[in-house]
Amino acid sequence: MPRAVNGTVSRKRRKKILKMAKGYRSVRSTAFRKAREAVEHGLCYAYRDRKNRKREFRRLWIARINAAVRAEGMNYSQFMYGLKKADIQLDRKVLSDLAINNQDTFKSLTETARAQLA
């Protein structure tokens, strides 16, 4: 009886890793062991940076809101507190978009927030 060595399964596993390593330079795209190491590192970075992207965008939105609110004579924390007191539940992404693309609406929001603080 011939010895079964899992040839097709092993080949499939190796081909999957090498396919993921396509575009890497030198041995990292051709040699299985180096390719596996590179792919594992890449997947770790991808996982980490999916989380970091959310942080970076939130920082960007806050910076945009802050710049727009300061042009109206308030600061970011006062503005957000005024919106909270007025029970306006818009997230920072939407507020940032309003600050850039719809200044009239954003100006009315700042007036609402200012009225709540007074």
N, C-alpha and C. Protein backbone atom coordinates (compact mmCIF):
# COMPACT_ATOMS: atom_id res chain seq x y z
N MET A 1 0.85 -1.19 0.00
CA MET A 1 0.00 0.00 0.00
C MET A 1 0.89 1.25 0.00
N PRO A 2 0.62 2.20 -0.89
CA PRO A 2 1.47 3.39 -0.95
C PRO A 2 1.26 4.29 0.28
N ARG A 3 2.31 5.01 0.57
CA ARG A 3 2.28 5.90 1.73
C ARG A 3 1.57 7.21 1.34
N ALA A 4 0.60 7.63 2.11
CA ALA A 4 -0.11 8.89 1.85
C ALA A 4 0.64 10.02 2.55
N VAL A 5 1.00 11.04 1.78
CA VAL A 5 1.82 12.12 2.35
C VAL A 5 1.14 13.48 2.30
N ASN A 6 -0.18 13.51 2.04
CA ASN A 6 -0.90 14.79 2.03
C ASN A 6 -0.36 15.76 1.00
N GLY A 7 0.09 15.27 -0.13
CA GLY A 7 0.73 16.12 -1.14
C GLY A 7 -0.16 17.23 -1.64
N THR A 8 -1.39 16.91 -1.99
CA THR A 8 -2.25 17.95 -2.57
C THR A 8 -2.63 19.00 -1.53
N VAL A 9 -2.86 18.58 -0.31
CA VAL A 9 -3.24 19.52 0.74
C VAL A 9 -2.07 20.45 1.06
N SER A 10 -0.88 19.87 1.16
CA SER A 10 0.31 20.68 1.46
C SER A 10 0.57 21.67 0.34
N ARG A 11 0.45 21.20 -0.90
CA ARG A 11 0.69 22.08 -2.05
C ARG A 11 -0.32 23.23 -2.05
N LYS A 12 -1.56 22.91 -1.77
CA LYS A 12 -2.59 23.94 -1.74
C LYS A 12 -2.29 24.99 -0.67
N ARG A 13 -1.83 24.53 0.50
CA ARG A 13 -1.49 25.44 1.59
C ARG A 13 -0.32 26.34 1.19
N ARG A 14 0.70 25.76 0.56
CA ARG A 14 1.85 26.54 0.14
C ARG A 14 1.48 27.53 -0.96
N LYS A 15 0.67 27.08 -1.89
CA LYS A 15 0.27 27.96 -2.99
C LYS A 15 -0.55 29.15 -2.48
N LYS A 16 -1.35 28.90 -1.44
CA LYS A 16 -2.16 29.97 -0.87
C LYS A 16 -1.26 31.06 -0.28
N ILE A 17 -0.23 30.63 0.45
CA ILE A 17 0.71 31.59 1.05
C ILE A 17 1.47 32.33 -0.04
N LEU A 18 1.96 31.61 -1.04
CA LEU A 18 2.72 32.25 -2.11
C LEU A 18 1.86 33.22 -2.91
N LYS A 19 0.58 32.91 -3.05
CA LYS A 19 -0.31 33.82 -3.75
C LYS A 19 -0.48 35.11 -2.93
N MET A 20 -0.57 34.96 -1.61
CA MET A 20 -0.69 36.14 -0.76
C MET A 20 0.58 36.99 -0.79
N ALA A 21 1.73 36.34 -1.06
CA ALA A 21 3.02 37.04 -1.06
C ALA A 21 3.34 37.64 -2.43
N LYS A 22 2.42 37.56 -3.36
CA LYS A 22 2.66 38.10 -4.70
C LYS A 22 2.89 39.60 -4.59
N GLY A 23 3.91 40.07 -5.26
CA GLY A 23 4.24 41.49 -5.20
C GLY A 23 5.34 41.80 -4.21
N TYR A 24 5.67 40.87 -3.32
CA TYR A 24 6.78 41.07 -2.40
C TYR A 24 8.07 40.93 -3.19
N ARG A 25 9.14 41.50 -2.70
CA ARG A 25 10.40 41.52 -3.44
C ARG A 25 11.26 40.32 -3.08
N SER A 26 12.02 39.89 -4.07
CA SER A 26 13.07 38.89 -3.91
C SER A 26 12.52 37.56 -3.40
N VAL A 27 13.22 36.97 -2.45
CA VAL A 27 12.91 35.63 -1.95
C VAL A 27 11.57 35.61 -1.22
N ARG A 28 11.13 36.77 -0.73
CA ARG A 28 9.89 36.84 0.05
C ARG A 28 8.66 36.49 -0.79
N SER A 29 8.80 36.48 -2.10
CA SER A 29 7.66 36.12 -2.94
C SER A 29 7.80 34.72 -3.55
N THR A 30 8.98 34.09 -3.39
CA THR A 30 9.19 32.80 -4.06
C THR A 30 9.46 31.66 -3.09
N ALA A 31 10.23 31.91 -2.04
CA ALA A 31 10.57 30.85 -1.09
C ALA A 31 9.46 30.75 -0.04
N PHE A 32 8.95 29.55 0.17
CA PHE A 32 7.78 29.39 1.03
C PHE A 32 8.01 29.89 2.44
N ARG A 33 9.13 29.53 3.05
CA ARG A 33 9.35 29.89 4.46
C ARG A 33 9.42 31.41 4.62
N LYS A 34 10.21 32.05 3.77
CA LYS A 34 10.32 33.51 3.85
C LYS A 34 9.00 34.19 3.49
N ALA A 35 8.31 33.61 2.54
CA ALA A 35 7.01 34.17 2.15
C ALA A 35 6.02 34.07 3.30
N ARG A 36 6.02 32.94 3.99
CA ARG A 36 5.11 32.77 5.11
C ARG A 36 5.40 33.78 6.21
N GLU A 37 6.67 34.01 6.51
CA GLU A 37 7.04 34.99 7.53
C GLU A 37 6.57 36.39 7.12
N ALA A 38 6.80 36.72 5.85
CA ALA A 38 6.42 38.04 5.38
C ALA A 38 4.91 38.23 5.40
N VAL A 39 4.19 37.20 4.99
CA VAL A 39 2.72 37.28 4.96
C VAL A 39 2.18 37.39 6.38
N GLU A 40 2.74 36.65 7.32
CA GLU A 40 2.27 36.74 8.70
C GLU A 40 2.49 38.14 9.27
N HIS A 41 3.68 38.72 8.97
CA HIS A 41 3.91 40.09 9.41
C HIS A 41 2.90 41.03 8.78
N GLY A 42 2.68 40.85 7.48
CA GLY A 42 1.75 41.71 6.76
C GLY A 42 0.35 41.63 7.32
N LEU A 43 -0.09 40.42 7.67
CA LEU A 43 -1.42 40.27 8.22
C LEU A 43 -1.53 40.91 9.60
N CYS A 44 -0.45 40.84 10.38
CA CYS A 44 -0.45 41.51 11.68
C CYS A 44 -0.59 43.03 11.51
N TYR A 45 0.17 43.57 10.56
CA TYR A 45 0.08 45.01 10.30
C TYR A 45 -1.31 45.38 9.80
N ALA A 46 -1.89 44.55 8.95
CA ALA A 46 -3.22 44.84 8.41
C ALA A 46 -4.26 44.87 9.53
N TYR A 47 -4.18 43.92 10.46
CA TYR A 47 -5.11 43.87 11.58
C TYR A 47 -4.96 45.13 12.44
N ARG A 48 -3.70 45.45 12.77
CA ARG A 48 -3.44 46.62 13.60
C ARG A 48 -3.94 47.90 12.94
N ASP A 49 -3.66 48.02 11.65
CA ASP A 49 -3.98 49.27 10.97
C ASP A 49 -5.45 49.42 10.64
N ARG A 50 -6.20 48.33 10.63
CA ARG A 50 -7.66 48.48 10.51
C ARG A 50 -8.20 49.18 11.74
N LYS A 51 -7.60 48.93 12.89
CA LYS A 51 -8.01 49.63 14.11
C LYS A 51 -7.51 51.08 14.09
N ASN A 52 -6.25 51.26 13.65
CA ASN A 52 -5.66 52.61 13.65
C ASN A 52 -6.37 53.55 12.69
N ARG A 53 -6.88 53.00 11.58
CA ARG A 53 -7.57 53.85 10.60
C ARG A 53 -8.75 54.55 11.24
N LYS A 54 -9.48 53.86 12.10
CA LYS A 54 -10.62 54.45 12.78
C LYS A 54 -10.18 55.61 13.68
N ARG A 55 -9.05 55.40 14.38
CA ARG A 55 -8.51 56.47 15.22
C ARG A 55 -8.10 57.68 14.40
N GLU A 56 -7.40 57.41 13.29
CA GLU A 56 -6.90 58.51 12.46
C GLU A 56 -8.06 59.33 11.89
N PHE A 57 -9.10 58.66 11.44
CA PHE A 57 -10.22 59.40 10.88
C PHE A 57 -10.92 60.23 11.95
N ARG A 58 -11.06 59.66 13.14
CA ARG A 58 -11.70 60.43 14.22
C ARG A 58 -10.89 61.68 14.54
N ARG A 59 -9.55 61.56 14.56
CA ARG A 59 -8.70 62.73 14.80
C ARG A 59 -8.88 63.77 13.71
N LEU A 60 -8.97 63.32 12.47
CA LEU A 60 -9.16 64.24 11.34
C LEU A 60 -10.49 64.97 11.46
N TRP A 61 -11.57 64.22 11.78
CA TRP A 61 -12.88 64.85 11.91
C TRP A 61 -12.88 65.90 13.01
N ILE A 62 -12.24 65.57 14.14
CA ILE A 62 -12.21 66.52 15.26
C ILE A 62 -11.44 67.77 14.87
N ALA A 63 -10.33 67.61 14.15
CA ALA A 63 -9.54 68.77 13.71
C ALA A 63 -10.36 69.65 12.77
N ARG A 64 -11.11 69.05 11.88
CA ARG A 64 -11.93 69.82 10.94
C ARG A 64 -13.05 70.57 11.67
N ILE A 65 -13.71 69.88 12.60
CA ILE A 65 -14.78 70.53 13.36
C ILE A 65 -14.22 71.68 14.17
N ASN A 66 -13.08 71.46 14.80
CA ASN A 66 -12.44 72.49 15.62
C ASN A 66 -12.13 73.72 14.78
N ALA A 67 -11.57 73.52 13.58
CA ALA A 67 -11.23 74.65 12.72
C ALA A 67 -12.49 75.42 12.32
N ALA A 68 -13.55 74.70 11.98
CA ALA A 68 -14.78 75.37 11.56
C ALA A 68 -15.45 76.11 12.71
N VAL A 69 -15.39 75.53 13.90
CA VAL A 69 -16.04 76.15 15.06
C VAL A 69 -15.26 77.38 15.51
N ARG A 70 -13.95 77.32 15.43
CA ARG A 70 -13.14 78.48 15.82
C ARG A 70 -13.39 79.66 14.90
N ALA A 71 -13.71 79.39 13.64
CA ALA A 71 -14.06 80.47 12.71
C ALA A 71 -15.37 81.15 13.14
N GLU A 72 -16.19 80.43 13.90
CA GLU A 72 -17.46 80.98 14.41
C GLU A 72 -17.30 81.58 15.81
N GLY A 73 -16.10 81.51 16.37
CA GLY A 73 -15.85 82.16 17.66
C GLY A 73 -16.08 81.28 18.88
N MET A 74 -16.07 79.97 18.69
CA MET A 74 -16.20 79.05 19.83
C MET A 74 -15.00 78.12 19.79
N ASN A 75 -14.94 77.23 20.76
CA ASN A 75 -13.95 76.16 20.64
C ASN A 75 -14.67 74.82 20.60
N TYR A 76 -13.92 73.79 20.30
CA TYR A 76 -14.49 72.46 20.04
C TYR A 76 -15.26 71.92 21.23
N SER A 77 -14.67 72.02 22.43
CA SER A 77 -15.32 71.41 23.59
C SER A 77 -16.62 72.13 23.94
N GLN A 78 -16.63 73.45 23.84
CA GLN A 78 -17.87 74.19 24.08
C GLN A 78 -18.95 73.80 23.07
N PHE A 79 -18.54 73.68 21.82
CA PHE A 79 -19.47 73.32 20.74
C PHE A 79 -20.09 71.96 21.00
N MET A 80 -19.26 70.98 21.31
CA MET A 80 -19.77 69.62 21.52
C MET A 80 -20.67 69.57 22.77
N TYR A 81 -20.30 70.33 23.81
CA TYR A 81 -21.12 70.36 25.02
C TYR A 81 -22.47 71.01 24.73
N GLY A 82 -22.45 72.09 23.94
CA GLY A 82 -23.70 72.76 23.56
C GLY A 82 -24.60 71.86 22.75
N LEU A 83 -24.02 71.08 21.82
CA LEU A 83 -24.82 70.13 21.04
C LEU A 83 -25.42 69.06 21.94
N LYS A 84 -24.64 68.61 22.91
CA LYS A 84 -25.13 67.57 23.81
C LYS A 84 -26.30 68.10 24.65
N LYS A 85 -26.17 69.33 25.13
CA LYS A 85 -27.25 69.93 25.91
C LYS A 85 -28.49 70.16 25.06
N ALA A 86 -28.30 70.45 23.77
CA ALA A 86 -29.44 70.66 22.86
C ALA A 86 -30.02 69.34 22.37
N ASP A 87 -29.42 68.24 22.78
CA ASP A 87 -29.85 66.89 22.38
C ASP A 87 -29.78 66.70 20.87
N ILE A 88 -28.72 67.22 20.28
CA ILE A 88 -28.45 67.00 18.86
C ILE A 88 -27.42 65.89 18.78
N GLN A 89 -27.83 64.76 18.24
CA GLN A 89 -26.97 63.58 18.25
C GLN A 89 -26.41 63.31 16.86
N LEU A 90 -25.50 64.16 16.42
CA LEU A 90 -24.79 63.95 15.16
C LEU A 90 -23.38 63.50 15.49
N ASP A 91 -22.90 62.50 14.78
CA ASP A 91 -21.54 62.04 15.06
C ASP A 91 -20.52 62.96 14.39
N ARG A 92 -19.27 62.77 14.75
CA ARG A 92 -18.21 63.66 14.28
C ARG A 92 -18.00 63.58 12.78
N LYS A 93 -18.24 62.43 12.20
CA LYS A 93 -18.10 62.28 10.75
C LYS A 93 -19.08 63.19 10.03
N VAL A 94 -20.33 63.19 10.46
CA VAL A 94 -21.35 64.02 9.84
C VAL A 94 -21.07 65.50 10.10
N LEU A 95 -20.69 65.83 11.32
CA LEU A 95 -20.37 67.23 11.63
C LEU A 95 -19.22 67.74 10.78
N SER A 96 -18.21 66.91 10.59
CA SER A 96 -17.08 67.29 9.75
C SER A 96 -17.51 67.53 8.32
N ASP A 97 -18.36 66.65 7.81
CA ASP A 97 -18.85 66.80 6.45
C ASP A 97 -19.67 68.08 6.31
N LEU A 98 -20.50 68.37 7.30
CA LEU A 98 -21.28 69.61 7.27
C LEU A 98 -20.37 70.84 7.31
N ALA A 99 -19.31 70.77 8.10
CA ALA A 99 -18.40 71.91 8.21
C ALA A 99 -17.72 72.21 6.88
N ILE A 100 -17.47 71.16 6.09
CA ILE A 100 -16.79 71.36 4.81
C ILE A 100 -17.78 71.72 3.70
N ASN A 101 -18.86 70.95 3.59
CA ASN A 101 -19.72 71.04 2.41
C ASN A 101 -20.98 71.86 2.59
N ASN A 102 -21.37 72.15 3.83
CA ASN A 102 -22.63 72.85 4.06
C ASN A 102 -22.46 73.83 5.22
N GLN A 103 -21.77 74.93 4.95
CA GLN A 103 -21.42 75.86 6.01
C GLN A 103 -22.63 76.51 6.67
N ASP A 104 -23.71 76.73 5.90
CA ASP A 104 -24.89 77.38 6.47
C ASP A 104 -25.52 76.52 7.57
N THR A 105 -25.65 75.24 7.30
CA THR A 105 -26.20 74.33 8.30
C THR A 105 -25.29 74.25 9.52
N PHE A 106 -23.99 74.20 9.27
CA PHE A 106 -23.04 74.13 10.37
C PHE A 106 -23.11 75.40 11.22
N LYS A 107 -23.27 76.53 10.55
CA LYS A 107 -23.37 77.80 11.29
C LYS A 107 -24.60 77.80 12.19
N SER A 108 -25.72 77.24 11.68
CA SER A 108 -26.92 77.18 12.52
C SER A 108 -26.71 76.24 13.70
N LEU A 109 -25.92 75.18 13.51
CA LEU A 109 -25.61 74.29 14.63
C LEU A 109 -24.78 75.01 15.69
N THR A 110 -23.81 75.82 15.24
CA THR A 110 -22.99 76.56 16.21
C THR A 110 -23.87 77.57 16.98
N GLU A 111 -24.83 78.19 16.29
CA GLU A 111 -25.72 79.12 16.98
C GLU A 111 -26.58 78.38 18.00
N THR A 112 -27.04 77.20 17.65
CA THR A 112 -27.83 76.39 18.58
C THR A 112 -26.99 76.02 19.81
N ALA A 113 -25.77 75.61 19.57
CA ALA A 113 -24.89 75.23 20.67
C ALA A 113 -24.58 76.43 21.56
N ARG A 114 -24.37 77.59 20.94
CA ARG A 114 -24.07 78.80 21.70
C ARG A 114 -25.29 79.19 22.56
N ALA A 115 -26.48 79.06 22.00
CA ALA A 115 -27.70 79.39 22.76
C ALA A 115 -27.88 78.46 23.96
N GLN A 116 -27.51 77.21 23.82
CA GLN A 116 -27.63 76.27 24.94
C GLN A 116 -26.65 76.60 26.05
N LEU A 117 -25.50 77.15 25.70
CA LEU A 117 -24.49 77.46 26.72
C LEU A 117 -24.86 78.72 27.50
N ALA A 118 -25.58 79.63 26.86
CA ALA A 118 -25.91 80.91 27.53
C ALA A 118 -27.00 80.76 28.55
